[in-house]
Amino acid sequence: MAIHIGLLLYICILGFIFFYKAISKTRNRYFVIAAFLPIFIIQAVRTLEVGIDTPAYVRGYFNINTVPSSWEIQNWEKGYVFLNQIIGTITSNNPHWLLAVVSALILTGTGYFIIKNTPSFQSTFWPVFFFITLNHYLTSMVSLRQYCALSIGINIYTVLKKSTSHRAYIKSILLFLIAMSFHASSIVCLVLIFSFFLKRVNQHTILICIITFFIIFINFDVLLNIAFKLFPRYYAYSQMGHTKFAGVPFSNTYIVFLMAKLGFTILVFMLNPQLDTNQDLYRLLFFALIGAGIGVMTTKIALIWRFGYYFDIFLILLIPRIVVRIKALCSTIYIICFLAGWSYYLYLLLTNTALCVPYHTFLKFP
C-alpha cells in the first residue's frame, strides 16, 4: 500500500511545486509528464500477480503467442491480440513488456486527453489528482483491454471539441474503430460522436438525458430481453448464473457520488448555456450524467458497469471546471475535494477490490 500512497503524495507535492506561483500551458504539459512517469514505472515493473485480472491477461498473452487459434485469439478483440503478437515477437514473450506497453498506451492517451482539455487558466493538477483518486489509476492496472480502448476513445471528444469539420469527424470515426479493436464496450463512444451533432447542450438536453435513463430503468427487464434476442450469446452466459448478470446493491459510497453529481448538475444549471464559455461545461455534465445513469443500471445487471468508465472519466475535467467558477467558495471547495479524494483513495486501497495491494516489483535490488 505504501507505494500507492507515496505516489499520491508525490503528485500533491509536485503540483505544489509546479503551480504555486503560476499556471501556463507549458507547466501543465510538463506536470502531466512528470506525474505520469512514476505511474508508468509502478504499472510496468509490478509482478504478474498485482491486479486481479493481470494473471488472466498474462495467460492470454502466452496463449496468443504460443497456441495457434487459442481461445484468446478467437474471442479477444483483434487490435489487442495484434498488440500482444507484436510485443511477443519483439521481446521473446516477456510478459513484463506487455504490462509496460499497455501502461504506456493508456497513460499516453489519458495524458493527451488531460493536457488538451484543460484550459490554460487552470492547472492539470486536479485532473491528474482525480484520475488517481477516482479509481481510474487502479482500474487501469486491472482492465487492460478496456482502458486501452478508453484512452483512445475519449480523445474523440478532444478532436470534436476543437473542430466539427468533416475531417474532424473522420478522425473521430478512426479513433472509434481503433478503440473498438481493443474492447467492444467502446461502442458507447458513438455517444461522444453523436453528441456533437447537437450544436448546443442546455438544460433541456440534460433533463431529457435524466428522463431517458429513468424510462430505461423502469423498463429495464423488457429492454434486456430484447437485447438478449439480438445477442443470444450473452443470453447463454446469463443462464450460466454468472455474477456479472446479477444486480448489485448501491453502496453508501456510490450514493455519495450520486448526490455529488446532482450538486454539479444544479451548479451548472445556474450558468447560461448560450455562452460559449459555459457550453463545454454542459457537455461535460451531459457525459457525467450518462455515467451516473449507467451506474444506476448496475443495480439491474452488474456487467453494465463496463460502459460507465467511458463517461465517468469526464469527471476529472468537470469537477475542477465547476469549482473554479464558484469564486466565493473556490478555495473551500478545493480543500473539500482534496480531502474527499484522499479519503476515497485510501478506502479503495483498504477494500482492495482491484487486488493491487500488496504491491511487489519484479526488480531485485542488492
Protein backbone atom coordinates (compact mmCIF):
# COMPACT_ATOMS: atom_id res chain seq x y z
CA MET A 1 0.00 0.00 0.00
CA ALA A 2 2.92 2.33 0.71
CA ILE A 3 3.83 2.63 -2.98
CA HIS A 4 0.31 3.81 -3.89
CA ILE A 5 0.15 6.32 -1.02
CA GLY A 6 3.63 7.52 -1.89
CA LEU A 7 2.54 8.06 -5.48
CA LEU A 8 -0.31 10.38 -4.48
CA LEU A 9 1.91 12.24 -2.02
CA TYR A 10 4.47 12.75 -4.80
CA ILE A 11 1.78 14.11 -7.16
CA CYS A 12 0.47 16.51 -4.49
CA ILE A 13 3.96 17.82 -3.73
CA LEU A 14 4.75 18.04 -7.44
CA GLY A 15 1.55 20.01 -8.02
CA PHE A 16 2.51 22.49 -5.32
CA ILE A 17 5.98 22.95 -6.83
CA PHE A 18 4.67 23.40 -10.38
CA PHE A 19 1.67 25.63 -9.72
CA TYR A 20 2.46 27.54 -6.52
CA LYS A 21 3.46 30.69 -8.41
CA ALA A 22 1.99 30.41 -11.89
CA ILE A 23 -0.08 28.34 -14.33
CA SER A 24 0.74 28.00 -18.02
CA LYS A 25 0.32 25.55 -20.88
CA THR A 26 3.98 24.60 -20.62
CA ARG A 27 3.75 23.93 -16.88
CA ASN A 28 0.56 21.93 -17.43
CA ARG A 29 2.20 19.75 -20.07
CA TYR A 30 5.36 19.06 -18.07
CA PHE A 31 3.39 18.40 -14.90
CA VAL A 32 1.37 15.63 -16.58
CA ILE A 33 4.56 14.06 -17.94
CA ALA A 34 6.28 14.25 -14.54
CA ALA A 35 3.19 12.89 -12.75
CA PHE A 36 2.54 10.03 -15.18
CA LEU A 37 6.16 8.86 -15.30
CA PRO A 38 6.08 7.19 -11.84
CA ILE A 39 2.62 5.77 -12.61
CA PHE A 40 4.11 4.14 -15.69
CA ILE A 41 7.02 2.73 -13.67
CA ILE A 42 4.70 1.35 -10.97
CA GLN A 43 2.46 -0.29 -13.55
CA ALA A 44 5.30 -1.57 -15.72
CA VAL A 45 7.55 -3.19 -13.11
CA ARG A 46 4.87 -4.80 -10.93
CA THR A 47 4.87 -8.53 -10.51
CA LEU A 48 2.42 -10.58 -12.54
CA GLU A 49 0.11 -11.02 -9.52
CA VAL A 50 -0.58 -7.32 -8.89
CA GLY A 51 -4.06 -6.58 -10.23
CA ILE A 52 -6.96 -9.00 -10.07
CA ASP A 53 -7.08 -9.58 -13.85
CA THR A 54 -3.32 -9.41 -14.50
CA PRO A 55 -2.76 -13.21 -14.31
CA ALA A 56 -5.55 -13.77 -16.86
CA TYR A 57 -4.04 -11.22 -19.23
CA VAL A 58 -0.59 -12.79 -18.84
CA ARG A 59 -2.00 -16.27 -19.61
CA GLY A 60 -3.78 -14.79 -22.60
CA TYR A 61 -0.53 -13.19 -23.74
CA PHE A 62 1.30 -16.53 -23.65
CA ASN A 63 -1.61 -18.32 -25.35
CA ILE A 64 -1.76 -15.75 -28.16
CA ASN A 65 1.95 -16.16 -28.82
CA THR A 66 2.29 -19.93 -28.37
CA VAL A 67 -1.08 -21.60 -29.11
CA PRO A 68 -2.41 -21.35 -32.69
CA SER A 69 -6.08 -20.37 -32.76
CA SER A 70 -6.18 -20.07 -28.98
CA TRP A 71 -9.37 -19.04 -27.18
CA GLU A 72 -7.99 -15.52 -26.77
CA ILE A 73 -7.25 -15.20 -30.50
CA GLN A 74 -10.79 -16.30 -31.27
CA ASN A 75 -12.55 -14.16 -28.65
CA TRP A 76 -10.45 -11.11 -27.79
CA GLU A 77 -10.60 -8.04 -29.98
CA LYS A 78 -8.21 -8.12 -32.95
CA GLY A 79 -6.35 -4.91 -32.15
CA TYR A 80 -5.42 -6.10 -28.67
CA VAL A 81 -4.47 -9.56 -29.99
CA PHE A 82 -2.26 -7.94 -32.65
CA LEU A 83 -0.58 -5.80 -29.97
CA ASN A 84 0.15 -8.95 -27.93
CA GLN A 85 1.63 -10.63 -31.01
CA ILE A 86 3.88 -7.69 -31.77
CA ILE A 87 5.14 -7.50 -28.17
CA GLY A 88 5.66 -11.28 -28.02
CA THR A 89 7.62 -11.30 -31.28
CA ILE A 90 9.90 -8.41 -30.30
CA THR A 91 10.51 -9.45 -26.67
CA SER A 92 10.57 -13.25 -26.90
CA ASN A 93 7.29 -13.50 -24.94
CA ASN A 94 8.46 -11.50 -21.92
CA PRO A 95 5.15 -10.67 -20.13
CA HIS A 96 6.58 -7.65 -18.31
CA TRP A 97 6.85 -5.89 -21.66
CA LEU A 98 3.11 -6.43 -22.10
CA LEU A 99 2.41 -4.53 -18.87
CA ALA A 100 4.85 -1.78 -19.87
CA VAL A 101 3.47 -1.24 -23.37
CA VAL A 102 -0.16 -1.35 -22.24
CA SER A 103 0.59 1.14 -19.45
CA ALA A 104 2.36 3.45 -21.91
CA LEU A 105 -0.61 3.31 -24.28
CA ILE A 106 -3.15 4.03 -21.54
CA LEU A 107 -1.19 6.86 -19.96
CA THR A 108 -0.31 8.48 -23.29
CA GLY A 109 -3.95 8.62 -24.36
CA THR A 110 -5.14 9.79 -20.95
CA GLY A 111 -2.34 12.34 -20.59
CA TYR A 112 -3.10 13.80 -24.01
CA PHE A 113 -6.79 13.98 -23.05
CA ILE A 114 -5.95 15.91 -19.87
CA ILE A 115 -3.45 18.29 -21.47
CA LYS A 116 -5.61 19.19 -24.46
CA ASN A 117 -8.82 19.64 -22.46
CA THR A 118 -7.53 21.64 -19.50
CA PRO A 119 -7.95 25.40 -20.05
CA SER A 120 -4.76 27.43 -19.91
CA PHE A 121 -6.02 29.30 -16.82
CA GLN A 122 -6.36 26.03 -14.86
CA SER A 123 -3.70 23.62 -13.68
CA THR A 124 -3.58 19.97 -14.73
CA PHE A 125 -3.05 19.00 -11.10
CA TRP A 126 -6.73 18.40 -10.40
CA PRO A 127 -7.47 16.18 -13.42
CA VAL A 128 -4.41 14.07 -12.55
CA PHE A 129 -5.40 14.03 -8.87
CA PHE A 130 -8.89 12.82 -9.73
CA PHE A 131 -7.52 10.27 -12.21
CA ILE A 132 -5.70 8.72 -9.27
CA THR A 133 -8.31 9.11 -6.55
CA LEU A 134 -11.49 8.30 -8.51
CA ASN A 135 -10.25 4.76 -9.18
CA HIS A 136 -9.01 5.14 -12.76
CA TYR A 137 -5.38 4.55 -11.79
CA LEU A 138 -6.11 1.26 -10.00
CA THR A 139 -8.64 0.08 -12.59
CA SER A 140 -6.16 0.74 -15.40
CA MET A 141 -3.94 -1.89 -13.73
CA VAL A 142 -6.81 -4.38 -13.93
CA SER A 143 -8.98 -3.80 -17.02
CA LEU A 144 -6.15 -3.63 -19.53
CA ARG A 145 -8.10 -4.08 -22.76
CA GLN A 146 -10.85 -1.73 -21.71
CA TYR A 147 -8.55 1.05 -20.58
CA CYS A 148 -6.57 0.80 -23.81
CA ALA A 149 -9.88 1.32 -25.63
CA LEU A 150 -10.90 4.09 -23.22
CA SER A 151 -7.65 6.04 -23.57
CA ILE A 152 -8.18 6.08 -27.33
CA GLY A 153 -11.96 6.57 -27.42
CA ILE A 154 -12.13 9.54 -25.04
CA ASN A 155 -9.99 11.56 -27.44
CA ILE A 156 -12.95 11.61 -29.80
CA TYR A 157 -14.04 14.43 -27.51
CA THR A 158 -10.62 16.08 -27.84
CA VAL A 159 -10.90 16.08 -31.62
CA LEU A 160 -14.52 17.21 -31.94
CA LYS A 161 -14.25 19.84 -29.23
CA LYS A 162 -11.59 21.56 -31.33
CA SER A 163 -13.48 21.26 -34.61
CA THR A 164 -16.63 19.68 -36.03
CA SER A 165 -15.43 19.74 -39.63
CA HIS A 166 -15.76 16.73 -41.92
CA ARG A 167 -12.09 16.00 -41.36
CA ALA A 168 -12.58 16.04 -37.58
CA TYR A 169 -15.47 13.58 -37.84
CA ILE A 170 -13.32 11.28 -39.97
CA LYS A 171 -10.60 11.41 -37.29
CA SER A 172 -13.16 10.66 -34.58
CA ILE A 173 -14.52 7.68 -36.51
CA LEU A 174 -10.98 6.33 -36.93
CA LEU A 175 -10.41 6.70 -33.17
CA PHE A 176 -13.70 4.89 -32.57
CA LEU A 177 -12.70 1.99 -34.82
CA ILE A 178 -9.28 1.69 -33.18
CA ALA A 179 -10.88 1.74 -29.72
CA MET A 180 -13.34 -0.96 -30.81
CA SER A 181 -10.40 -3.12 -31.88
CA PHE A 182 -9.27 -3.15 -28.24
CA HIS A 183 -12.58 -3.64 -26.42
CA ALA A 184 -16.13 -3.97 -27.70
CA SER A 185 -17.50 -1.89 -24.80
CA SER A 186 -16.08 1.19 -26.53
CA ILE A 187 -19.11 1.08 -28.82
CA VAL A 188 -20.57 3.60 -26.33
CA CYS A 189 -18.06 6.12 -27.70
CA LEU A 190 -20.58 6.60 -30.50
CA VAL A 191 -22.41 8.75 -27.95
CA LEU A 192 -19.42 11.11 -27.90
CA ILE A 193 -19.60 11.46 -31.68
CA PHE A 194 -23.36 11.88 -31.87
CA SER A 195 -23.38 14.39 -29.01
CA PHE A 196 -21.53 16.86 -31.23
CA PHE A 197 -24.40 16.75 -33.70
CA LEU A 198 -26.07 18.93 -31.07
CA LYS A 199 -24.89 22.46 -31.64
CA ARG A 200 -25.90 23.38 -28.09
CA VAL A 201 -26.22 21.33 -24.94
CA ASN A 202 -28.51 23.07 -22.45
CA GLN A 203 -30.84 22.43 -19.53
CA HIS A 204 -33.36 20.73 -21.80
CA THR A 205 -30.71 18.31 -23.08
CA ILE A 206 -29.72 17.41 -19.53
CA LEU A 207 -33.34 16.90 -18.45
CA ILE A 208 -34.03 14.69 -21.48
CA CYS A 209 -30.96 12.62 -20.56
CA ILE A 210 -32.20 12.15 -16.98
CA ILE A 211 -35.76 11.29 -18.09
CA THR A 212 -34.44 8.82 -20.69
CA PHE A 213 -32.45 6.93 -18.09
CA PHE A 214 -35.47 6.89 -15.78
CA ILE A 215 -37.60 5.34 -18.53
CA ILE A 216 -34.88 2.79 -19.32
CA PHE A 217 -34.59 1.89 -15.64
CA ILE A 218 -38.28 1.18 -15.12
CA ASN A 219 -38.43 -0.81 -18.39
CA PHE A 220 -35.04 -2.45 -17.97
CA ASP A 221 -36.21 -6.09 -17.94
CA VAL A 222 -38.17 -5.66 -21.19
CA LEU A 223 -35.23 -3.97 -22.90
CA LEU A 224 -32.82 -6.61 -21.59
CA ASN A 225 -34.93 -9.38 -23.13
CA ILE A 226 -34.82 -7.54 -26.46
CA ALA A 227 -31.03 -7.22 -26.15
CA PHE A 228 -30.71 -10.95 -25.43
CA LYS A 229 -32.67 -11.73 -28.59
CA LEU A 230 -30.31 -9.55 -30.59
CA PHE A 231 -27.23 -11.00 -28.86
CA PRO A 232 -28.13 -14.62 -27.92
CA ARG A 233 -24.53 -15.34 -26.91
CA TYR A 234 -24.95 -13.14 -23.85
CA TYR A 235 -28.28 -14.77 -23.03
CA ALA A 236 -26.44 -18.09 -22.82
CA TYR A 237 -23.93 -16.52 -20.42
CA SER A 238 -26.75 -15.16 -18.25
CA GLN A 239 -28.26 -18.63 -17.96
CA MET A 240 -24.98 -19.95 -16.55
CA GLY A 241 -25.57 -17.94 -13.39
CA HIS A 242 -22.59 -15.61 -13.89
CA THR A 243 -22.50 -12.93 -11.19
CA LYS A 244 -21.94 -10.21 -13.82
CA PHE A 245 -25.54 -10.76 -14.96
CA ALA A 246 -26.93 -10.15 -11.48
CA GLY A 247 -27.64 -6.74 -9.99
CA VAL A 248 -25.52 -5.17 -7.28
CA PRO A 249 -26.86 -3.03 -4.42
CA PHE A 250 -25.82 0.59 -4.06
CA SER A 251 -23.04 1.17 -1.59
CA ASN A 252 -23.05 4.21 0.67
CA THR A 253 -20.05 5.46 -1.26
CA TYR A 254 -21.89 5.37 -4.58
CA ILE A 255 -24.88 7.18 -3.08
CA VAL A 256 -22.49 9.97 -2.07
CA PHE A 257 -21.22 10.10 -5.66
CA LEU A 258 -24.76 10.36 -7.00
CA MET A 259 -25.52 13.20 -4.60
CA ALA A 260 -22.34 14.97 -5.70
CA LYS A 261 -23.32 14.63 -9.37
CA LEU A 262 -26.73 16.06 -8.52
CA GLY A 263 -24.98 19.00 -6.90
CA PHE A 264 -22.83 19.51 -10.03
CA THR A 265 -26.00 19.48 -12.13
CA ILE A 266 -27.61 22.20 -10.03
CA LEU A 267 -24.47 24.36 -10.16
CA VAL A 268 -24.14 24.06 -13.95
CA PHE A 269 -27.86 24.78 -14.41
CA MET A 270 -27.20 28.20 -12.87
CA LEU A 271 -24.92 29.06 -15.82
CA ASN A 272 -26.16 30.44 -19.12
CA PRO A 273 -25.78 27.68 -21.77
CA GLN A 274 -25.83 30.24 -24.58
CA LEU A 275 -22.39 31.50 -23.60
CA ASP A 276 -19.55 29.66 -25.33
CA THR A 277 -17.59 29.66 -22.07
CA ASN A 278 -20.33 27.55 -20.45
CA GLN A 279 -21.12 25.26 -23.36
CA ASP A 280 -18.26 22.88 -22.65
CA LEU A 281 -19.37 22.58 -19.01
CA TYR A 282 -22.84 21.49 -20.14
CA ARG A 283 -21.35 18.89 -22.49
CA LEU A 284 -19.07 17.51 -19.76
CA LEU A 285 -22.05 17.37 -17.39
CA PHE A 286 -24.04 15.51 -20.07
CA PHE A 287 -21.35 12.82 -20.25
CA ALA A 288 -21.03 12.63 -16.47
CA LEU A 289 -24.78 12.12 -16.08
CA ILE A 290 -24.70 9.31 -18.63
CA GLY A 291 -22.06 7.70 -16.41
CA ALA A 292 -24.34 8.21 -13.40
CA GLY A 293 -27.27 6.66 -15.28
CA ILE A 294 -25.19 3.63 -16.20
CA GLY A 295 -24.14 3.35 -12.55
CA VAL A 296 -27.79 3.19 -11.51
CA MET A 297 -28.36 0.41 -14.08
CA THR A 298 -25.80 -1.79 -12.31
CA THR A 299 -28.50 -2.48 -9.71
CA LYS A 300 -30.18 -4.45 -12.51
CA ILE A 301 -27.14 -6.07 -14.12
CA ALA A 302 -23.56 -5.65 -12.91
CA LEU A 303 -21.99 -6.18 -16.35
CA ILE A 304 -23.13 -2.75 -17.50
CA TRP A 305 -20.57 -1.08 -15.23
CA ARG A 306 -18.01 -1.52 -18.01
CA PHE A 307 -19.75 1.12 -20.10
CA GLY A 308 -19.73 3.66 -17.28
CA TYR A 309 -15.95 4.12 -17.29
CA TYR A 310 -16.08 5.90 -20.65
CA PHE A 311 -18.24 8.65 -19.16
CA ASP A 312 -17.04 8.74 -15.54
CA ILE A 313 -13.59 9.72 -16.84
CA PHE A 314 -15.06 13.11 -17.81
CA LEU A 315 -15.49 13.89 -14.13
CA ILE A 316 -11.76 14.52 -13.87
CA LEU A 317 -12.30 17.51 -16.19
CA LEU A 318 -15.74 18.55 -14.96
CA ILE A 319 -15.09 18.88 -11.23
CA PRO A 320 -12.24 21.44 -11.41
CA ARG A 321 -14.06 23.34 -14.18
CA ILE A 322 -17.11 23.75 -11.93
CA VAL A 323 -15.17 24.60 -8.77
CA VAL A 324 -13.18 27.39 -10.41
CA ARG A 325 -16.46 29.07 -11.42
CA ILE A 326 -17.62 29.30 -7.79
CA LYS A 327 -15.30 32.15 -6.94
CA ALA A 328 -16.66 32.91 -3.47
CA LEU A 329 -16.15 29.33 -2.19
CA CYS A 330 -13.47 28.13 -4.61
CA SER A 331 -10.71 27.58 -2.03
CA THR A 332 -13.05 25.90 0.46
CA ILE A 333 -14.46 23.52 -2.14
CA TYR A 334 -10.96 22.63 -3.37
CA ILE A 335 -9.99 21.70 0.19
CA ILE A 336 -13.12 19.54 0.46
CA CYS A 337 -12.30 17.87 -2.89
CA PHE A 338 -8.72 17.29 -1.78
CA LEU A 339 -9.75 15.63 1.49
CA ALA A 340 -12.57 13.68 -0.17
CA GLY A 341 -10.21 12.44 -2.89
CA TRP A 342 -7.65 11.26 -0.36
CA SER A 343 -10.36 9.60 1.75
CA TYR A 344 -11.84 7.71 -1.18
CA TYR A 345 -8.41 6.66 -2.43
CA LEU A 346 -7.50 5.24 0.98
CA TYR A 347 -10.86 3.47 1.07
CA LEU A 348 -10.09 1.87 -2.32
CA LEU A 349 -6.70 0.72 -1.08
CA LEU A 350 -8.12 -0.70 2.15
CA THR A 351 -11.02 -2.55 0.47
CA ASN A 352 -8.55 -3.68 -2.23
CA THR A 353 -11.13 -4.93 -4.73
CA ALA A 354 -8.56 -4.43 -7.53
CA LEU A 355 -6.02 -6.60 -5.65
CA CYS A 356 -3.25 -4.06 -6.25
CA VAL A 357 -2.27 -4.39 -2.58
CA PRO A 358 0.21 -5.72 -1.57
CA TYR A 359 2.37 -4.31 -4.32
CA HIS A 360 5.52 -6.17 -5.36
CA THR A 361 8.02 -5.40 -8.10
CA PHE A 362 9.87 -8.00 -10.14
CA LEU A 363 13.01 -5.87 -9.94
CA LYS A 364 15.56 -7.19 -7.44
CA PHE A 365 17.88 -4.81 -5.65
CA PRO A 366 21.03 -5.85 -3.79
